Every structure is written in structure tokens, then in C-alpha cells.
Protein backbone atom coordinates (compact mmCIF):
# COMPACT_ATOMS: atom_id res chain seq x y z
CA MET A 1 -21.95 -59.13 11.28
CA GLU A 2 -21.40 -62.91 11.17
CA ILE A 3 -18.02 -64.04 9.88
CA HIS A 4 -17.58 -67.55 8.53
CA GLY A 5 -14.53 -69.76 8.04
CA SER A 6 -11.43 -70.47 10.01
CA CYS A 7 -8.68 -68.39 11.52
CA SER A 8 -5.82 -69.48 13.79
CA ASN A 9 -5.56 -67.72 17.12
CA GLN A 10 -2.33 -66.01 16.06
CA PHE A 11 -4.23 -64.17 13.33
CA SER A 12 -7.28 -63.12 15.36
CA ALA A 13 -6.50 -59.47 14.57
CA VAL A 14 -7.16 -60.23 10.88
CA ARG A 15 -10.57 -61.60 11.81
CA GLU A 16 -11.37 -58.54 13.86
CA ALA A 17 -10.31 -56.15 11.09
CA PHE A 18 -12.39 -58.11 8.56
CA ALA A 19 -15.45 -58.03 10.80
CA ASP A 20 -15.01 -54.26 11.31
CA SER A 21 -14.92 -53.69 7.56
CA LEU A 22 -18.15 -55.60 7.02
CA ARG A 23 -19.83 -54.10 10.08
CA SER A 24 -18.98 -50.55 9.04
CA GLY A 25 -20.37 -51.03 5.53
CA ALA A 26 -17.00 -50.52 3.84
CA ASP A 27 -17.46 -54.06 2.54
CA VAL A 28 -20.68 -55.60 1.31
CA GLY A 29 -19.37 -59.12 0.74
CA ALA A 30 -15.77 -60.21 0.86
CA SER A 31 -13.21 -62.89 1.64
CA VAL A 32 -9.70 -62.82 3.06
CA ALA A 33 -7.11 -65.59 3.20
CA VAL A 34 -3.55 -66.05 4.47
CA CYS A 35 -1.29 -69.03 3.76
CA ILE A 36 2.00 -69.84 5.45
CA ASP A 37 4.15 -72.39 3.64
CA GLY A 38 1.15 -73.05 1.43
CA GLU A 39 -1.06 -73.97 4.39
CA PRO A 40 -4.13 -71.80 5.17
CA VAL A 41 -4.03 -69.99 8.55
CA VAL A 42 -6.85 -67.58 7.63
CA ASP A 43 -9.84 -68.46 5.45
CA LEU A 44 -12.69 -66.05 6.17
CA TRP A 45 -15.74 -64.81 4.29
CA GLY A 46 -18.83 -62.83 5.15
CA GLY A 47 -21.43 -60.28 4.10
CA HIS A 48 -23.61 -60.44 1.05
CA ALA A 49 -23.13 -61.47 -2.57
CA ASP A 50 -25.47 -58.79 -3.96
CA GLN A 51 -25.91 -55.04 -3.57
CA ALA A 52 -29.44 -55.49 -2.20
CA ARG A 53 -27.98 -57.66 0.56
CA THR A 54 -30.41 -60.52 0.00
CA ARG A 55 -27.87 -63.30 -0.80
CA PRO A 56 -25.23 -64.24 1.73
CA TRP A 57 -21.64 -64.52 0.57
CA GLN A 58 -20.99 -68.28 0.80
CA ARG A 59 -17.86 -70.36 1.12
CA ASP A 60 -17.86 -71.05 -2.62
CA THR A 61 -18.90 -67.56 -3.79
CA ILE A 62 -16.61 -66.27 -6.52
CA THR A 63 -16.29 -62.86 -8.16
CA ASN A 64 -14.36 -61.12 -10.89
CA VAL A 65 -10.99 -60.19 -9.42
CA TRP A 66 -9.98 -57.95 -12.29
CA SER A 67 -6.20 -57.40 -12.48
CA ILE A 68 -5.29 -60.02 -9.89
CA THR A 69 -5.84 -62.23 -12.96
CA LYS A 70 -2.50 -60.86 -14.25
CA THR A 71 -0.68 -62.74 -11.48
CA MET A 72 -2.26 -65.96 -12.76
CA THR A 73 -1.17 -65.32 -16.35
CA ALA A 74 2.32 -64.57 -15.02
CA LEU A 75 2.38 -67.98 -13.32
CA CYS A 76 1.56 -69.60 -16.64
CA VAL A 77 4.66 -68.05 -18.17
CA LEU A 78 6.80 -68.99 -15.17
CA VAL A 79 5.68 -72.62 -15.42
CA LEU A 80 6.67 -72.70 -19.12
CA ALA A 81 10.02 -71.06 -18.31
CA ASP A 82 10.64 -73.57 -15.51
CA ARG A 83 10.07 -76.42 -17.98
CA GLY A 84 12.47 -74.91 -20.52
CA GLU A 85 9.70 -74.28 -23.04
CA LEU A 86 10.12 -70.50 -22.89
CA ASP A 87 13.03 -68.13 -22.32
CA LEU A 88 12.12 -64.99 -20.34
CA SER A 89 14.80 -63.01 -22.16
CA ALA A 90 13.92 -64.25 -25.66
CA PRO A 91 12.23 -61.94 -28.21
CA VAL A 92 8.44 -62.35 -28.31
CA ALA A 93 8.81 -62.88 -32.06
CA LYS A 94 10.64 -66.16 -31.41
CA TYR A 95 7.30 -67.65 -30.41
CA TRP A 96 4.94 -65.25 -32.26
CA PRO A 97 6.68 -64.33 -35.55
CA GLU A 98 3.99 -61.89 -36.71
CA PHE A 99 4.72 -59.77 -33.66
CA GLY A 100 8.26 -58.84 -34.72
CA VAL A 101 7.34 -55.85 -36.89
CA ALA A 102 6.97 -52.08 -36.43
CA GLY A 103 9.89 -51.85 -34.04
CA LYS A 104 8.85 -54.75 -31.83
CA ASP A 105 11.62 -57.14 -32.84
CA ARG A 106 13.45 -56.21 -29.62
CA VAL A 107 10.47 -56.74 -27.31
CA GLU A 108 11.27 -59.61 -24.94
CA ILE A 109 9.01 -61.86 -22.92
CA ARG A 110 10.14 -60.16 -19.71
CA HIS A 111 9.05 -56.79 -21.13
CA LEU A 112 5.48 -58.14 -21.45
CA LEU A 113 5.54 -59.32 -17.84
CA GLY A 114 7.00 -56.05 -16.55
CA HIS A 115 4.68 -53.69 -18.48
CA THR A 116 7.65 -52.21 -20.31
CA ALA A 117 6.78 -53.41 -23.85
CA GLY A 118 5.35 -50.03 -24.91
CA LEU A 119 1.91 -51.45 -25.79
CA PRO A 120 -0.29 -50.20 -22.95
CA ASP A 121 -3.43 -50.02 -25.09
CA TRP A 122 -4.68 -50.45 -28.63
CA ASP A 123 -4.31 -47.68 -31.19
CA GLN A 124 -8.04 -47.80 -31.92
CA PRO A 125 -11.16 -47.91 -29.75
CA MET A 126 -11.96 -51.41 -28.54
CA THR A 127 -15.52 -52.43 -27.56
CA LEU A 128 -16.47 -55.25 -25.23
CA ASP A 129 -17.16 -57.36 -28.27
CA ASP A 130 -13.64 -56.60 -29.54
CA LEU A 131 -12.12 -57.71 -26.23
CA CYS A 132 -14.07 -60.95 -26.53
CA ASP A 133 -12.59 -61.53 -30.03
CA TRP A 134 -9.19 -63.05 -29.28
CA ASP A 135 -7.87 -63.08 -32.85
CA LYS A 136 -8.80 -59.44 -33.45
CA ALA A 137 -7.29 -58.20 -30.15
CA ALA A 138 -4.02 -60.10 -30.65
CA THR A 139 -3.64 -59.31 -34.35
CA LEU A 140 -4.05 -55.57 -33.79
CA LEU A 141 -1.35 -55.63 -31.07
CA ALA A 142 1.01 -57.54 -33.41
CA ARG A 143 0.76 -54.71 -35.94
CA GLN A 144 1.27 -51.77 -33.53
CA THR A 145 4.36 -49.69 -32.91
CA PRO A 146 5.55 -49.34 -29.28
CA ARG A 147 4.82 -45.99 -27.64
CA TRP A 148 8.27 -45.90 -26.09
CA GLU A 149 11.55 -47.83 -26.33
CA PRO A 150 10.71 -51.29 -25.00
CA GLY A 151 12.38 -52.22 -21.73
CA THR A 152 13.10 -48.64 -20.64
CA ARG A 153 10.02 -47.63 -18.61
CA SER A 154 6.84 -49.19 -17.35
CA GLY A 155 3.41 -48.12 -18.60
CA TYR A 156 0.67 -50.29 -17.15
CA HIS A 157 -0.72 -52.68 -19.81
CA ARG A 158 -4.22 -52.67 -18.37
CA PHE A 159 -5.89 -55.06 -20.85
CA THR A 160 -3.19 -55.72 -23.45
CA HIS A 161 -1.04 -57.60 -20.92
CA GLY A 162 -3.26 -60.67 -21.03
CA PHE A 163 -3.56 -60.86 -24.80
CA LEU A 164 0.17 -60.45 -25.30
CA ILE A 165 1.08 -63.12 -22.79
CA GLY A 166 -1.84 -65.32 -23.73
CA GLU A 167 -0.90 -65.38 -27.42
CA VAL A 168 2.68 -66.43 -26.53
CA VAL A 169 1.27 -69.26 -24.42
CA ARG A 170 -1.07 -70.27 -27.24
CA ARG A 171 1.77 -70.35 -29.78
CA ILE A 172 3.91 -72.57 -27.52
CA CYS A 173 1.20 -74.91 -26.16
CA ARG A 174 -1.39 -74.86 -28.91
CA GLN A 175 -4.11 -74.18 -26.35
CA SER A 176 -5.68 -71.07 -24.91
CA ILE A 177 -4.26 -69.60 -21.75
CA GLY A 178 -7.50 -70.32 -19.89
CA THR A 179 -7.23 -74.01 -20.76
CA PHE A 180 -3.51 -74.10 -19.96
CA PHE A 181 -4.13 -72.44 -16.61
CA ALA A 182 -6.96 -74.86 -15.75
CA ASP A 183 -4.99 -77.94 -16.77
CA GLN A 184 -1.53 -77.04 -15.46
CA ILE A 185 -2.14 -74.78 -12.44
CA ALA A 186 -5.67 -74.56 -11.02
CA GLY A 187 -6.40 -78.25 -11.60
CA PRO A 188 -3.28 -79.71 -9.94
CA LEU A 189 -3.69 -77.30 -7.03
CA GLY A 190 -7.44 -77.99 -6.67
CA ALA A 191 -8.04 -74.25 -6.77
CA ASP A 192 -11.41 -72.66 -7.65
CA PHE A 193 -10.10 -69.98 -10.01
CA HIS A 194 -11.15 -69.57 -13.63
CA ILE A 195 -9.97 -67.63 -16.69
CA GLY A 196 -13.04 -68.05 -18.85
CA LEU A 197 -15.99 -69.01 -16.62
CA ALA A 198 -18.21 -71.94 -17.55
CA ALA A 199 -21.99 -71.51 -17.25
CA GLU A 200 -22.13 -74.13 -14.50
CA HIS A 201 -20.55 -71.62 -12.13
CA ASP A 202 -22.82 -68.66 -12.83
CA HIS A 203 -25.02 -69.28 -9.80
CA ARG A 204 -22.01 -68.77 -7.53
CA VAL A 205 -20.94 -65.38 -8.94
CA SER A 206 -21.14 -62.17 -6.97
CA ASN A 207 -21.24 -59.29 -9.43
CA GLY A 208 -19.01 -56.33 -8.69
CA ILE A 209 -20.77 -53.34 -7.15
CA PRO A 210 -19.78 -50.08 -8.86
CA ALA A 211 -17.69 -47.66 -6.85
CA PRO A 212 -19.65 -44.67 -5.62
CA GLY A 213 -18.91 -41.31 -7.18
CA PRO A 214 -16.87 -40.48 -10.28
CA ALA A 215 -13.43 -41.90 -10.74
CA PRO A 216 -10.62 -39.38 -10.18
CA ALA A 217 -9.09 -38.05 -13.39
CA PRO A 218 -5.67 -39.58 -14.14
CA ALA A 219 -2.66 -37.35 -13.62
CA PRO A 220 -1.56 -35.75 -16.92
CA ASN A 221 1.50 -37.51 -18.24
CA PRO A 222 3.44 -35.84 -21.05
CA ARG A 223 5.60 -38.95 -21.58
CA VAL A 224 2.86 -41.04 -23.21
CA THR A 225 -0.48 -40.45 -24.85
CA ILE A 226 -3.05 -43.16 -24.26
CA PRO A 227 -5.80 -43.20 -26.93
CA VAL A 228 -9.37 -44.28 -26.29
CA GLY A 229 -8.34 -47.94 -26.41
CA ALA A 230 -10.26 -50.38 -24.25
CA TYR A 231 -12.58 -49.36 -21.44
CA VAL A 232 -14.87 -51.69 -19.49
CA THR A 233 -17.40 -50.67 -16.87
CA THR A 234 -18.27 -52.66 -13.78
CA GLN A 235 -21.66 -53.30 -15.36
CA ASP A 236 -19.98 -54.75 -18.45
CA SER A 237 -18.43 -57.42 -16.26
CA TRP A 238 -21.94 -58.64 -15.35
CA SER A 239 -22.48 -59.86 -18.91
CA THR A 240 -22.32 -63.46 -20.05
CA ARG A 241 -19.91 -62.42 -22.82
CA TRP A 242 -17.41 -61.12 -20.30
CA ARG A 243 -17.61 -64.24 -18.12
CA ARG A 244 -17.18 -66.67 -20.98
CA ALA A 245 -14.40 -64.83 -22.77
CA GLU A 246 -10.79 -65.41 -21.86
CA ILE A 247 -9.61 -61.90 -21.04
CA PRO A 248 -6.52 -62.90 -19.04
CA ALA A 249 -5.60 -59.46 -17.73
CA ALA A 250 -8.89 -58.76 -16.03
CA ALA A 251 -11.59 -61.43 -16.25
CA GLY A 252 -10.47 -64.05 -13.75
CA TYR A 253 -13.00 -65.44 -11.26
CA GLY A 254 -12.17 -66.68 -7.78
CA ASN A 255 -12.16 -65.76 -4.10
CA ALA A 256 -9.45 -65.08 -1.54
CA ARG A 257 -9.01 -68.78 -0.77
CA SER A 258 -8.33 -69.77 -4.38
CA VAL A 259 -6.14 -66.73 -5.05
CA ALA A 260 -4.01 -67.47 -1.97
CA ALA A 261 -3.83 -71.18 -2.70
CA ILE A 262 -2.44 -70.57 -6.18
CA GLN A 263 -0.14 -67.63 -5.42
CA SER A 264 1.31 -69.34 -2.35
CA VAL A 265 3.31 -71.42 -4.84
CA LEU A 266 5.68 -68.46 -5.06
CA ALA A 267 5.91 -67.79 -1.33
CA SER A 268 6.65 -71.46 -0.59
CA ALA A 269 9.53 -71.74 -3.10
CA GLY A 270 7.46 -73.48 -5.75
CA ARG A 271 6.09 -76.29 -3.60
CA THR A 272 2.54 -76.66 -2.33
CA PRO A 273 1.21 -79.22 0.17
CA SER A 274 0.25 -81.45 -2.80
CA THR A 275 2.76 -80.77 -5.58
CA ARG A 276 5.76 -78.84 -6.84
CA LEU A 277 4.84 -76.37 -9.54
CA LEU A 278 8.05 -74.29 -9.83
CA SER A 279 11.69 -74.51 -8.88
CA GLU A 280 12.97 -72.11 -6.27
CA THR A 281 15.19 -70.51 -8.93
CA THR A 282 12.19 -69.66 -11.07
CA CYS A 283 10.33 -68.26 -8.09
CA ARG A 284 13.27 -65.94 -7.44
CA ALA A 285 13.20 -64.79 -11.09
CA VAL A 286 10.12 -62.78 -10.20
CA PHE A 287 12.50 -60.38 -8.45
CA ASP A 288 14.55 -59.55 -11.54
CA GLU A 289 13.78 -55.82 -11.70
CA GLN A 290 12.35 -54.62 -15.02
CA SER A 291 11.66 -51.00 -14.11
CA HIS A 292 11.54 -48.61 -11.18
CA GLY A 293 10.01 -45.16 -11.41
CA THR A 294 6.79 -43.36 -12.09
CA ASP A 295 4.62 -45.56 -14.22
CA LEU A 296 3.79 -43.82 -17.49
CA VAL A 297 0.12 -44.83 -17.40
CA LEU A 298 -0.81 -44.98 -13.70
CA GLY A 299 1.30 -42.01 -12.74
CA ILE A 300 2.45 -43.57 -9.47
CA PRO A 301 5.85 -44.92 -8.41
CA LEU A 302 6.15 -48.61 -9.11
CA ARG A 303 8.96 -51.13 -9.17
CA PHE A 304 8.12 -53.99 -11.52
CA GLY A 305 9.74 -57.41 -11.58
CA THR A 306 8.80 -60.38 -13.73
CA GLY A 307 5.04 -60.43 -13.58
CA TYR A 308 4.56 -58.62 -10.30
CA ALA A 309 5.20 -55.28 -8.61
CA LEU A 310 8.01 -55.48 -6.06
CA HIS A 311 8.73 -54.11 -2.63
CA ALA A 312 10.23 -50.61 -2.68
CA ASP A 313 10.47 -47.67 -0.29
CA ASP A 314 8.09 -45.73 -2.51
CA SER A 315 5.66 -48.64 -2.97
CA PRO A 316 1.96 -47.77 -2.78
CA ILE A 317 1.44 -50.66 -0.33
CA GLY A 318 3.34 -51.13 2.88
CA THR A 319 5.38 -54.32 2.96
CA PRO A 320 8.31 -54.53 5.36
CA ASN A 321 10.31 -57.31 3.72
CA LEU A 322 12.58 -57.12 0.70
CA HIS A 323 11.40 -60.23 -1.17
CA THR A 324 7.78 -59.24 -1.49
CA CYS A 325 5.81 -59.17 -4.70
CA TYR A 326 2.18 -58.13 -5.20
CA TRP A 327 -0.55 -56.79 -7.40
CA GLY A 328 -4.11 -55.58 -6.98
CA GLY A 329 -7.34 -55.70 -8.92
CA ARG A 330 -9.62 -52.90 -9.96
CA GLY A 331 -11.89 -51.92 -7.07
CA GLY A 332 -9.54 -52.89 -4.22
CA SER A 333 -8.65 -56.60 -4.23
CA LEU A 334 -5.03 -57.48 -3.44
CA VAL A 335 -2.59 -60.37 -3.36
CA VAL A 336 0.82 -60.25 -1.68
CA ASN A 337 3.55 -62.90 -1.69
CA ASP A 338 6.22 -62.49 0.95
CA LEU A 339 9.04 -64.97 0.29
CA ASP A 340 10.93 -63.90 3.43
CA THR A 341 8.11 -65.11 5.69
CA ARG A 342 6.73 -67.65 3.20
CA MET A 343 3.37 -65.88 3.50
CA THR A 344 0.67 -65.18 0.95
CA PHE A 345 -2.16 -62.71 1.63
CA ALA A 346 -5.29 -62.34 -0.50
CA TYR A 347 -8.36 -60.10 -0.20
CA VAL A 348 -11.27 -60.27 -2.65
CA MET A 349 -14.52 -58.29 -2.45
CA ASN A 350 -17.56 -57.17 -4.43
CA GLN A 351 -17.86 -53.54 -3.32
CA MET A 352 -15.53 -51.56 -5.57
CA THR A 353 -13.81 -48.26 -4.73
CA HIS A 354 -11.57 -45.86 -6.64
CA LYS A 355 -8.67 -46.29 -4.19
CA GLY A 356 -6.70 -48.91 -6.17
CA LEU A 357 -3.56 -50.13 -4.43
CA THR A 358 -4.12 -47.66 -1.59
CA ASP A 359 -7.56 -49.06 -0.63
CA PRO A 360 -7.75 -48.84 3.19
CA ARG A 361 -9.65 -52.13 3.47
CA SER A 362 -6.85 -54.27 2.04
CA ARG A 363 -4.15 -52.18 3.70
CA THR A 364 -5.75 -52.65 7.16
CA LEU A 365 -6.04 -56.40 6.67
CA LEU A 366 -2.49 -56.68 5.38
CA GLN A 367 -1.16 -54.66 8.33
CA ALA A 368 -3.05 -56.95 10.74
CA THR A 369 -1.46 -59.95 9.01
CA TYR A 370 2.04 -58.60 9.49
CA THR A 371 1.31 -57.70 13.08
CA ALA A 372 0.25 -61.29 13.65
CA LEU A 373 3.38 -62.62 11.93
CA ASN A 374 5.53 -60.62 14.34
CA THR A 375 3.82 -61.87 17.49
């Protein structure tokens, strides 16, 4: 299996692990990137962009990274906080007055970022068309009552996360979160990542390949009842509607290079090779713990900070250093920021699995990265 791109000699083990994953068939098409101090030391891609294996995965191939998009929406909020335009501890209703009803007057911005707001889903079924209707999705959330006392526990806000944060950004900036992200983050960094994909990029998209077999049933959780709410299949993400809509919890498009380039802002104390996006103080705010325990929706132990999951002894991914934050996307993609080593790791693929944060493909690549860092 031919691998393309660049990789420093120190990180040759990452290249070998990536080649093994493609050669074994665990991956169909994928990319992996590692930045140190914002500079790329690994930028690899290979395989095929389609399930039939007729189109090679190219340098500029992009795909839907699902919930890695949440780390991009978190950066939008951090940028506004860094500029003094938003207070992470302020009530959401300060910026979105209609939200402060039905017991949500005490919901703070940090609760949205830490999945502790008590709004993990909508109280009514939501179709793909509904998710593509921003005003409807946000208005329904503004009327809902939290499922639990905000700020006390995490319950993963699978789709609602993006609409909640995105509406706050819209109220402050008078522009959509996709536009804000493009103008204030992706553009200045020269990064090929999109929340709301323009038609001109369609030819570069690799559609996600559905995971084989049925998804495992979620563990029963007596603490919270999740109604039908929103559900999207892998095939739904192939649609033009999904690509064009700004669904900022799940519909971001990029590859490992662009994910690492943007997220390395955190690992490098807010500065990139070309610009400073955040202060070091704001970068450290990510580690203000919002919750630590069994997530009420996912049923796994998670420690959430401000916009990211954090290192913990019971973390589902193995990170050795204390100041590490991460999140993964549906199907197996992963991004990790390690502020102790100033390293960012990103893995993006098209072949989806049901493994989530425990996907062996990303874990093997991440372990190879840490092995290289220690040599």
C-alpha cells in the first residue's frame, strides 16, 4: 500500500502503523498528521476515497469528521472569550435572552461547552430537514427544560451542542458560526476545514463508509431518558443538504492536516507559525474541569473541561500527560492536544467503525506518536 506525504525520521513508527492499517484493510482511505509547536512533523495520507476503491485518497481529499467539528466550535467560543466579547461563566441568556426560560436561566456558557447543560437532545423527533433548519433547531432548544440540574453532570450533547454554541456566536457576532469560523480561524490559519461546505469542494469529498454490522445497544442509564431526538445515518451525510447546512456539532469537513493545523493553536499556547489566535491563559481555560464521572448519555467515564474531554486515569484513550485534551468523531476519527509536549495529533478516515474513542486504529497511531516523542 503506497503512502503519500511527509514524515520526519523520528516519527517513522507512525508511518509504519499507518501503512499497516491500510494494508490490513482496517482503513480504506485515511490521513494522519502530527504537529509540534504548530509545525507539521507527520502529514500522511493513503488508500482510496471510495468504498469501491477506484478513487485514490489525494492530498486535498476531505471528509466529514463528525464530532471533531465540536472542537472547532469550541475554538470559536474561546476566540470570543479571549477578545472579551464573551464570558465563559456568564448565563447563556445574557447573549440569547429567549433561552433563559424553563429553568435554563442558570445555564452558563461553560455548561454548553462541557455537555452539562442538560439539553442532550430535542424533546421531539428531528429529521434531517429539521437539522438543516437552523431557526427551528435553535428555537426548540430555547423552549426546553433541562433533563438534569445544569452544571452537575455531563450528558453528551451529540447534535444540540453545535446549535447551542452556534446561536450564542450568532447573537454576539451577527453572523453564522460557519462564517465566523471561516473568517476568524480557518482563513487566518490557511486551513482546509469547513463548517458548511460550498459546492466547489464537492469533487474532493470522500463519503463515509458505513460501519459493518449493527451498532451495539447503548448501556441502559436510569439517570436520564433520551427521546427519539435527532438521528443521522452515514448515508444521510452523503446528501447535498447535509454538506451545505451548518450543523456545527457534526458536519465539519476536513482532513488530518487541517484538523491538526487548527487544533495545534491550543498545543502551542495560542500561537501558530503565522499568527497568534489565543492567549496562553485562554488555552489553559480548556482545563477548567466541568464534570468527571460516567457520562449520562454515553455511559462511559469522561472528564470534561471547557470544550474538550480531558486526561484522566479512567479516560477511554491513553494519554500519559496531565495537560491533554481531546475528542473523537463518529466512526473513529480523533484529535489530541498535548500541551505538555506541545503536540497535536489528528487522524481522519472514511471507513467507519462502532468503536468510538476506543477505535484501535487511532489508538495505535497515537501510541506510535508518543513512542516517537519519547525517543
